[in-house]
């Protein structure tokens, strides 16, 4: 009768299978997260008012904390439009707020992914635009008009009572059909593009951006340095009229050329300081 072969001398014993892990901890974790999500979905949108920095005030709430809106926002007592949000509940577990935002002020509309942790504000994939005249509450001089397009990949800032300290800015802002009754009797000044690419701004350093024209009666090539904390900026560069420039604009450029001599290519140096 055949017998089973005896194990070879010195052979290692077969490893035993590890005992199956209990799934109950995962079930419990899932249950806790579900309870938290249900609680968040039931909270009113007005809870957001207690999470905002001191410089930001919101009212006229509707919806819930998860998906709600504030019909009136003010920043440093200035009208900042209305806001709708879709909250990312998991961010609350990390002590921060993250949400998809839809902001409206008049005809100006922006969509973005944003985060807030204490006084640190971040934004990414900011898309939208509208008429610049709807931004007068942010310091834009009255009378200016045009259509703006915003495409910002990254924006980081620290919000304080005195203003905002910009930490990073990457993106583009363009404006078309720019005009003002104070310049060339309101003639169309064409389009311009502001490009900024500062993935990290050192403390105490101004943000920098390149400003160029995108067509129209003026040829512009300039650089802007801006301090968000002090709300002050400087524009330095050159400007030159194109052949189709209106007579009123040519006259104003001639007056500017008397104060700042033209270079060999006929460009006039410009150096302006502004505040917001």
Protein backbone atom coordinates (compact mmCIF):
# COMPACT_ATOMS: atom_id res chain seq x y z
CA UNK A 1 0.00 0.00 0.00
CA UNK A 2 1.60 3.30 -1.00
CA UNK A 3 2.57 5.65 1.75
CA UNK A 4 2.85 9.44 1.61
CA UNK A 5 6.39 10.64 1.32
CA UNK A 6 7.87 11.85 4.56
CA UNK A 7 9.03 15.47 4.62
CA UNK A 8 12.62 16.07 3.79
CA UNK A 9 14.90 16.55 6.74
CA UNK A 10 15.62 20.25 7.24
CA UNK A 11 12.64 21.45 5.19
CA UNK A 12 11.03 24.61 6.56
CA UNK A 13 7.43 24.37 7.75
CA UNK A 14 4.83 25.96 5.53
CA UNK A 15 3.84 29.52 6.63
CA UNK A 16 0.40 29.72 8.08
CA UNK A 17 -2.12 32.13 6.56
CA UNK A 18 -2.47 35.42 8.48
CA UNK A 19 -5.74 35.74 10.33
CA UNK A 20 -8.35 37.83 8.49
CA UNK A 21 -8.49 41.42 9.70
CA UNK A 22 -11.72 42.67 11.15
CA UNK A 23 -13.64 45.11 8.94
CA UNK A 24 -15.45 46.64 11.90
CA UNK A 25 -13.01 49.57 12.37
CA UNK A 26 -13.59 50.57 8.75
CA UNK A 27 -17.35 50.21 9.17
CA UNK A 28 -17.22 52.37 12.28
CA UNK A 29 -15.12 55.03 10.52
CA UNK A 30 -17.52 55.09 7.59
CA UNK A 31 -20.45 55.45 9.99
CA UNK A 32 -18.79 58.38 11.82
CA UNK A 33 -18.02 60.16 8.55
CA UNK A 34 -21.59 59.62 7.37
CA UNK A 35 -22.93 61.13 10.59
CA UNK A 36 -20.61 64.15 10.21
CA UNK A 37 -21.67 64.61 6.59
CA UNK A 38 -25.34 64.41 7.54
CA UNK A 39 -24.81 66.97 10.31
CA UNK A 40 -23.03 69.37 7.95
CA UNK A 41 -25.78 69.05 5.35
CA UNK A 42 -28.38 70.03 7.97
CA UNK A 43 -26.57 73.13 9.30
CA UNK A 44 -27.81 76.48 7.97
CA UNK A 45 -25.64 78.53 5.62
CA UNK A 46 -25.45 81.34 8.19
CA UNK A 47 -22.89 79.25 10.14
CA UNK A 48 -20.34 80.53 7.60
CA UNK A 49 -20.55 84.00 9.15
CA UNK A 50 -18.70 82.68 12.24
CA UNK A 51 -15.85 81.25 10.14
CA UNK A 52 -14.94 84.38 8.17
CA UNK A 53 -12.02 86.77 8.88
CA UNK A 54 -12.89 89.98 10.71
CA UNK A 55 -12.60 92.09 7.55
CA UNK A 56 -15.27 90.03 5.76
CA UNK A 57 -18.99 90.34 6.60
CA UNK A 58 -21.80 88.29 5.04
CA UNK A 59 -25.59 88.35 5.29
CA UNK A 60 -28.80 87.38 3.45
CA UNK A 61 -27.99 83.66 3.66
CA UNK A 62 -29.88 80.80 2.04
CA UNK A 63 -29.31 77.06 1.76
CA UNK A 64 -27.07 74.99 4.00
CA UNK A 65 -23.46 74.97 5.11
CA UNK A 66 -22.81 72.29 2.51
CA UNK A 67 -24.38 74.17 -0.41
CA UNK A 68 -25.48 77.70 0.30
CA UNK A 69 -25.20 81.34 -0.66
CA UNK A 70 -24.81 84.81 0.84
CA UNK A 71 -26.68 87.53 -1.00
CA UNK A 72 -24.47 90.33 0.31
CA UNK A 73 -20.73 90.28 1.07
CA UNK A 74 -18.63 93.20 2.25
CA UNK A 75 -14.84 93.36 2.60
CA UNK A 76 -13.51 96.22 4.72
CA UNK A 77 -17.05 97.68 4.57
CA UNK A 78 -17.01 97.73 0.73
CA UNK A 79 -19.68 95.99 -1.29
CA UNK A 80 -18.20 92.73 -2.61
CA UNK A 81 -21.25 91.23 -4.33
CA UNK A 82 -22.89 87.86 -3.68
CA UNK A 83 -21.43 84.38 -3.27
CA UNK A 84 -22.59 80.79 -3.75
CA UNK A 85 -20.53 77.82 -2.53
CA UNK A 86 -20.30 74.03 -2.61
CA UNK A 87 -18.37 72.99 0.48
CA UNK A 88 -15.87 70.11 0.59
CA UNK A 89 -16.87 68.53 3.93
CA UNK A 90 -13.62 66.57 4.36
CA UNK A 91 -11.68 69.85 4.60
CA UNK A 92 -13.37 70.66 7.92
CA UNK A 93 -11.71 67.61 9.46
CA UNK A 94 -8.36 69.29 8.73
CA UNK A 95 -9.39 72.58 10.33
CA UNK A 96 -9.84 74.52 7.08
CA UNK A 97 -12.55 75.47 4.63
CA UNK A 98 -12.40 74.38 0.99
CA UNK A 99 -15.16 75.00 -1.53
CA UNK A 100 -16.13 75.63 -5.13
CA UNK A 101 -17.21 79.27 -5.37
CA UNK A 102 -19.46 81.22 -7.73
CA UNK A 103 -19.12 84.99 -7.19
CA UNK A 104 -21.32 87.65 -8.78
CA UNK A 105 -21.12 91.43 -8.61
CA UNK A 106 -23.39 93.08 -11.11
CA UNK A 107 -22.44 91.61 -14.48
CA UNK A 108 -19.03 90.44 -13.24
CA UNK A 109 -18.89 86.68 -12.58
CA UNK A 110 -16.05 84.46 -11.29
CA UNK A 111 -15.81 80.73 -10.55
CA UNK A 112 -12.97 79.31 -8.45
CA UNK A 113 -11.72 76.59 -6.13
CA UNK A 114 -10.87 78.32 -2.85
CA UNK A 115 -9.62 77.54 0.63
CA UNK A 116 -9.48 79.38 3.94
CA UNK A 117 -7.45 78.39 7.00
CA UNK A 118 -7.36 81.07 9.66
CA UNK A 119 -6.32 84.21 7.81
CA UNK A 120 -4.68 82.33 4.90
CA UNK A 121 -6.70 82.45 1.67
CA UNK A 122 -5.95 80.37 -1.44
CA UNK A 123 -7.64 80.25 -4.83
CA UNK A 124 -7.03 78.16 -7.94
CA UNK A 125 -8.54 77.87 -11.41
CA UNK A 126 -10.22 81.27 -11.19
CA UNK A 127 -12.22 81.79 -14.39
CA UNK A 128 -14.67 84.46 -15.52
CA UNK A 129 -14.95 88.18 -16.10
CA UNK A 130 -17.34 90.96 -16.98
CA UNK A 131 -17.60 94.75 -17.24
CA UNK A 132 -14.93 96.55 -15.24
CA UNK A 133 -17.35 99.32 -14.29
CA UNK A 134 -19.00 96.84 -11.90
CA UNK A 135 -15.75 96.82 -9.85
CA UNK A 136 -15.89 100.49 -8.80
CA UNK A 137 -16.34 99.48 -5.15
CA UNK A 138 -12.80 98.04 -5.24
CA UNK A 139 -11.23 101.40 -6.10
CA UNK A 140 -11.63 101.63 -9.88
CA UNK A 141 -11.96 105.27 -10.95
CA UNK A 142 -15.42 106.24 -12.13
CA UNK A 143 -15.95 106.54 -15.85
CA UNK A 144 -13.66 103.70 -16.93
CA UNK A 145 -15.36 100.95 -18.90
CA UNK A 146 -14.36 97.78 -20.74
CA UNK A 147 -14.74 94.01 -20.67
CA UNK A 148 -12.45 91.88 -18.52
CA UNK A 149 -11.40 88.24 -18.77
CA UNK A 150 -9.77 86.53 -15.76
CA UNK A 151 -7.75 83.30 -15.87
CA UNK A 152 -5.81 82.79 -12.64
CA UNK A 153 -4.15 79.45 -11.88
CA UNK A 154 -2.96 80.29 -8.36
CA UNK A 155 -3.52 83.02 -5.79
CA UNK A 156 -2.37 82.90 -2.15
CA UNK A 157 -2.80 85.71 0.36
CA UNK A 158 -2.94 86.41 4.08
CA UNK A 159 -5.98 88.53 4.94
CA UNK A 160 -5.61 91.03 7.78
CA UNK A 161 -7.56 93.99 9.11
CA UNK A 162 -5.28 96.45 7.29
CA UNK A 163 -5.48 94.62 3.97
CA UNK A 164 -4.03 91.56 2.29
CA UNK A 165 -0.45 90.33 2.06
CA UNK A 166 -0.01 88.57 -1.29
CA UNK A 167 2.05 85.37 -1.13
CA UNK A 168 1.71 83.99 -4.68
CA UNK A 169 0.01 84.94 -7.94
CA UNK A 170 0.05 83.12 -11.28
CA UNK A 171 -2.31 83.92 -14.14
CA UNK A 172 -3.62 86.45 -16.65
CA UNK A 173 -6.15 89.28 -16.66
CA UNK A 174 -7.13 90.87 -19.96
CA UNK A 175 -9.39 93.79 -20.82
CA UNK A 176 -10.87 94.79 -24.16
CA UNK A 177 -12.59 97.94 -25.44
CA UNK A 178 -11.07 100.01 -22.64
CA UNK A 179 -12.27 103.62 -22.51
CA UNK A 180 -12.65 106.58 -20.18
CA UNK A 181 -14.23 110.01 -20.73
CA UNK A 182 -11.07 111.52 -19.21
CA UNK A 183 -8.84 110.06 -21.96
CA UNK A 184 -9.13 111.07 -25.63
CA UNK A 185 -12.76 112.15 -25.14
CA UNK A 186 -13.82 108.58 -24.41
CA UNK A 187 -12.28 106.99 -27.52
CA UNK A 188 -11.76 103.21 -27.55
CA UNK A 189 -8.23 102.58 -26.23
CA UNK A 190 -8.08 98.93 -27.36
CA UNK A 191 -7.18 95.86 -25.32
CA UNK A 192 -4.49 95.02 -22.77
CA UNK A 193 -3.18 91.94 -20.99
CA UNK A 194 -1.71 91.68 -17.50
CA UNK A 195 0.44 88.57 -16.96
CA UNK A 196 1.78 87.63 -13.51
CA UNK A 197 3.90 84.62 -12.70
CA UNK A 198 5.05 84.73 -9.06
CA UNK A 199 4.60 81.21 -7.61
CA UNK A 200 6.20 82.48 -4.37
CA UNK A 201 6.52 86.10 -3.24
CA UNK A 202 9.10 86.72 -0.53
CA UNK A 203 7.96 88.59 2.60
CA UNK A 204 8.12 92.35 2.12
CA UNK A 205 8.50 91.99 -1.66
CA UNK A 206 6.10 93.52 -4.18
CA UNK A 207 4.30 91.35 -6.69
CA UNK A 208 5.31 91.97 -10.32
CA UNK A 209 3.32 91.70 -13.55
CA UNK A 210 3.88 92.45 -17.23
CA UNK A 211 1.36 94.74 -18.97
CA UNK A 212 1.15 94.76 -22.76
CA UNK A 213 -1.40 95.84 -25.35
CA UNK A 214 -3.39 93.34 -27.41
CA UNK A 215 -4.22 95.75 -30.22
CA UNK A 216 -5.70 99.20 -30.57
CA UNK A 217 -4.41 102.76 -30.91
CA UNK A 218 -1.68 102.41 -28.27
CA UNK A 219 1.45 100.30 -28.23
CA UNK A 220 2.22 99.63 -24.56
CA UNK A 221 5.03 97.72 -22.89
CA UNK A 222 5.20 98.09 -19.11
CA UNK A 223 5.82 96.40 -15.77
CA UNK A 224 3.65 96.79 -12.69
CA UNK A 225 4.90 96.33 -9.13
CA UNK A 226 2.13 96.01 -6.57
CA UNK A 227 2.09 95.85 -2.78
CA UNK A 228 -1.21 94.29 -1.69
CA UNK A 229 -0.52 95.04 1.99
CA UNK A 230 -0.10 98.77 1.29
CA UNK A 231 -2.57 98.79 -1.63
CA UNK A 232 -0.02 100.70 -3.71
CA UNK A 233 1.33 100.04 -7.18
CA UNK A 234 3.72 101.52 -9.72
CA UNK A 235 3.63 101.24 -13.50
CA UNK A 236 6.82 101.77 -15.50
CA UNK A 237 7.28 101.33 -19.23
CA UNK A 238 6.81 102.96 -22.62
CA UNK A 239 3.85 103.95 -24.79
CA UNK A 240 3.58 104.89 -28.46
CA UNK A 241 0.65 105.76 -30.69
CA UNK A 242 -0.21 103.61 -33.68
CA UNK A 243 -1.18 104.98 -37.06
CA UNK A 244 -4.92 104.66 -36.39
CA UNK A 245 -4.84 106.55 -33.08
CA UNK A 246 -7.62 109.18 -32.78
CA UNK A 247 -6.65 112.85 -32.90
CA UNK A 248 -7.58 113.42 -29.25
CA UNK A 249 -5.25 110.67 -28.10
CA UNK A 250 -2.39 111.95 -30.29
CA UNK A 251 -2.78 115.39 -28.74
CA UNK A 252 -2.59 113.98 -25.20
CA UNK A 253 0.47 111.90 -26.10
CA UNK A 254 2.17 115.02 -27.52
CA UNK A 255 1.60 116.75 -24.19
CA UNK A 256 3.07 113.75 -22.38
CA UNK A 257 6.03 113.76 -24.77
CA UNK A 258 6.88 117.31 -23.77
CA UNK A 259 7.41 116.15 -20.17
CA UNK A 260 9.16 112.88 -21.03
CA UNK A 261 11.37 112.88 -24.13
CA UNK A 262 10.67 110.20 -26.74
CA UNK A 263 13.35 107.60 -27.46
CA UNK A 264 14.78 106.84 -30.92
CA UNK A 265 11.76 104.67 -31.76
CA UNK A 266 9.30 107.39 -30.76
CA UNK A 267 8.27 105.71 -27.51
CA UNK A 268 7.36 107.85 -24.50
CA UNK A 269 8.47 106.65 -21.04
CA UNK A 270 5.71 106.44 -18.44
CA UNK A 271 6.04 106.12 -14.67
CA UNK A 272 2.80 106.16 -12.67
CA UNK A 273 1.89 105.40 -9.07
CA UNK A 274 -1.61 104.35 -8.03
CA UNK A 275 -3.52 103.07 -5.02
CA UNK A 276 -6.49 100.71 -4.64
